[in-house]
N, C-alpha and C. Protein backbone atom coordinates (compact mmCIF):
# COMPACT_ATOMS: atom_id res chain seq x y z
N MET A 1 94.60 115.16 -261.71
CA MET A 1 94.87 114.74 -260.36
C MET A 1 94.04 113.50 -260.00
N ALA A 2 92.77 113.49 -260.41
CA ALA A 2 91.91 112.35 -260.11
C ALA A 2 92.41 111.09 -260.83
N LEU A 3 92.94 111.26 -262.03
CA LEU A 3 93.46 110.12 -262.78
C LEU A 3 94.65 109.49 -262.05
N ILE A 4 95.50 110.31 -261.48
CA ILE A 4 96.66 109.81 -260.72
C ILE A 4 96.18 109.04 -259.50
N LEU A 5 95.16 109.55 -258.81
CA LEU A 5 94.63 108.86 -257.64
C LEU A 5 94.00 107.52 -258.03
N VAL A 6 93.30 107.49 -259.15
CA VAL A 6 92.71 106.24 -259.61
C VAL A 6 93.78 105.22 -259.95
N VAL A 7 94.83 105.66 -260.62
CA VAL A 7 95.92 104.76 -260.98
C VAL A 7 96.63 104.25 -259.73
N LEU A 8 96.87 105.12 -258.76
CA LEU A 8 97.52 104.69 -257.51
C LEU A 8 96.64 103.73 -256.72
N LEU A 9 95.33 104.00 -256.69
CA LEU A 9 94.41 103.10 -256.01
C LEU A 9 94.37 101.74 -256.69
N LEU A 10 94.36 101.73 -258.01
CA LEU A 10 94.37 100.48 -258.75
C LEU A 10 95.66 99.71 -258.51
N ALA A 11 96.78 100.40 -258.49
CA ALA A 11 98.06 99.74 -258.21
C ALA A 11 98.08 99.17 -256.80
N LEU A 12 97.51 99.88 -255.84
CA LEU A 12 97.45 99.40 -254.47
C LEU A 12 96.57 98.16 -254.37
N LEU A 13 95.42 98.17 -255.04
CA LEU A 13 94.53 97.01 -255.01
C LEU A 13 95.16 95.79 -255.67
N LEU A 14 95.78 96.00 -256.83
CA LEU A 14 96.40 94.87 -257.52
C LEU A 14 97.61 94.34 -256.76
N GLY A 15 98.35 95.23 -256.13
CA GLY A 15 99.48 94.79 -255.32
C GLY A 15 99.03 93.98 -254.11
N GLY A 16 97.97 94.42 -253.46
CA GLY A 16 97.44 93.68 -252.33
C GLY A 16 96.88 92.34 -252.74
N ALA A 17 96.20 92.30 -253.89
CA ALA A 17 95.66 91.04 -254.38
C ALA A 17 96.79 90.08 -254.74
N GLY A 18 97.85 90.61 -255.31
CA GLY A 18 99.00 89.77 -255.64
C GLY A 18 99.63 89.17 -254.41
N PHE A 19 99.74 89.95 -253.35
CA PHE A 19 100.30 89.44 -252.10
C PHE A 19 99.39 88.37 -251.51
N ALA A 20 98.07 88.59 -251.55
CA ALA A 20 97.13 87.62 -251.00
C ALA A 20 97.18 86.31 -251.79
N VAL A 21 97.26 86.40 -253.11
CA VAL A 21 97.34 85.20 -253.93
C VAL A 21 98.64 84.45 -253.65
N HIS A 22 99.73 85.18 -253.50
CA HIS A 22 101.01 84.55 -253.18
C HIS A 22 100.94 83.84 -251.84
N LEU A 23 100.33 84.48 -250.86
CA LEU A 23 100.18 83.87 -249.54
C LEU A 23 99.31 82.63 -249.61
N LEU A 24 98.23 82.67 -250.39
CA LEU A 24 97.36 81.51 -250.52
C LEU A 24 98.06 80.34 -251.21
N TRP A 25 98.96 80.62 -252.14
CA TRP A 25 99.72 79.54 -252.76
C TRP A 25 100.60 78.84 -251.73
N TRP A 26 101.23 79.60 -250.84
CA TRP A 26 102.06 78.99 -249.80
C TRP A 26 101.21 78.16 -248.84
N VAL A 27 100.04 78.66 -248.48
CA VAL A 27 99.14 77.90 -247.60
C VAL A 27 98.71 76.61 -248.31
N ALA A 28 98.38 76.69 -249.58
CA ALA A 28 97.98 75.49 -250.33
C ALA A 28 99.11 74.47 -250.40
N LEU A 29 100.33 74.93 -250.58
CA LEU A 29 101.47 74.00 -250.63
C LEU A 29 101.71 73.33 -249.28
N ILE A 30 101.53 74.07 -248.19
CA ILE A 30 101.71 73.49 -246.86
C ILE A 30 100.63 72.44 -246.60
N ILE A 31 99.38 72.74 -246.97
CA ILE A 31 98.29 71.77 -246.79
C ILE A 31 98.53 70.53 -247.63
N LEU A 32 99.00 70.71 -248.85
CA LEU A 32 99.31 69.57 -249.71
C LEU A 32 100.41 68.70 -249.10
N ALA A 33 101.44 69.33 -248.54
CA ALA A 33 102.52 68.57 -247.92
C ALA A 33 102.02 67.78 -246.71
N VAL A 34 101.16 68.37 -245.90
CA VAL A 34 100.61 67.66 -244.75
C VAL A 34 99.72 66.51 -245.20
N TRP A 35 98.93 66.75 -246.25
CA TRP A 35 98.05 65.71 -246.77
C TRP A 35 98.85 64.52 -247.30
N LEU A 36 99.92 64.81 -248.06
CA LEU A 36 100.76 63.74 -248.59
C LEU A 36 101.53 63.03 -247.48
N ALA A 37 101.95 63.76 -246.46
CA ALA A 37 102.65 63.14 -245.34
C ALA A 37 101.74 62.19 -244.59
N GLY A 38 100.44 62.42 -244.61
CA GLY A 38 99.51 61.51 -243.96
C GLY A 38 99.54 60.12 -244.57
N PHE A 39 99.77 60.03 -245.87
CA PHE A 39 99.87 58.72 -246.50
C PHE A 39 101.16 58.01 -246.12
N VAL A 40 102.23 58.76 -245.99
CA VAL A 40 103.53 58.18 -245.68
C VAL A 40 103.64 57.80 -244.21
N LEU A 41 103.10 58.65 -243.34
CA LEU A 41 103.31 58.47 -241.91
C LEU A 41 102.19 57.74 -241.18
N ARG A 42 101.19 57.25 -241.90
CA ARG A 42 100.12 56.54 -241.19
C ARG A 42 100.66 55.23 -240.65
N GLY A 43 100.05 54.76 -239.60
CA GLY A 43 100.56 53.58 -238.91
C GLY A 43 100.53 52.32 -239.76
N ALA A 44 101.54 51.47 -239.58
CA ALA A 44 101.63 50.24 -240.35
C ALA A 44 100.68 49.17 -239.82
N GLY A 45 100.25 49.27 -238.58
CA GLY A 45 99.40 48.26 -237.98
C GLY A 45 97.92 48.52 -238.15
N THR A 46 97.53 49.28 -239.12
CA THR A 46 96.11 49.61 -239.30
C THR A 46 95.36 48.52 -240.04
N GLY A 47 96.03 47.63 -240.73
CA GLY A 47 95.36 46.55 -241.44
C GLY A 47 94.86 46.94 -242.82
N GLY A 48 94.95 48.18 -243.19
CA GLY A 48 94.57 48.61 -244.52
C GLY A 48 93.08 48.67 -244.76
N GLY A 49 92.28 48.62 -243.72
CA GLY A 49 90.83 48.68 -243.88
C GLY A 49 90.37 50.08 -244.21
N PRO A 50 89.05 50.25 -244.32
CA PRO A 50 88.54 51.58 -244.66
C PRO A 50 88.77 52.60 -243.55
N ARG A 51 88.97 52.14 -242.32
CA ARG A 51 89.24 53.06 -241.21
C ARG A 51 90.72 53.42 -241.12
N ALA A 52 91.55 52.90 -242.04
CA ALA A 52 92.99 53.15 -241.98
C ALA A 52 93.33 54.57 -242.40
N ARG A 53 92.38 55.25 -243.08
CA ARG A 53 92.68 56.60 -243.54
C ARG A 53 92.62 57.58 -242.39
N TRP A 54 93.49 58.59 -242.42
CA TRP A 54 93.52 59.58 -241.36
C TRP A 54 92.60 60.76 -241.66
N TYR A 55 91.99 60.76 -242.84
CA TYR A 55 91.05 61.80 -243.20
C TYR A 55 89.67 61.19 -243.36
N ARG A 56 88.64 61.99 -243.48
CA ARG A 56 87.26 61.48 -243.47
C ARG A 56 86.57 61.64 -244.82
N TRP A 57 87.27 61.79 -245.93
CA TRP A 57 86.58 61.99 -247.19
C TRP A 57 86.18 60.64 -247.73
């Protein structure tokens, strides 16, 4: 009986971790899309100087 509970608990943990990893992949893809859109959609009148970037890295 204890072995069945351990296996079910392990399956629950791995299933939850799989869902969390899947969700994090979607979040990472959305952030990547926003980051790439910043290069495309930045203003044309910025002059291309160092302040032209919309991020601070």
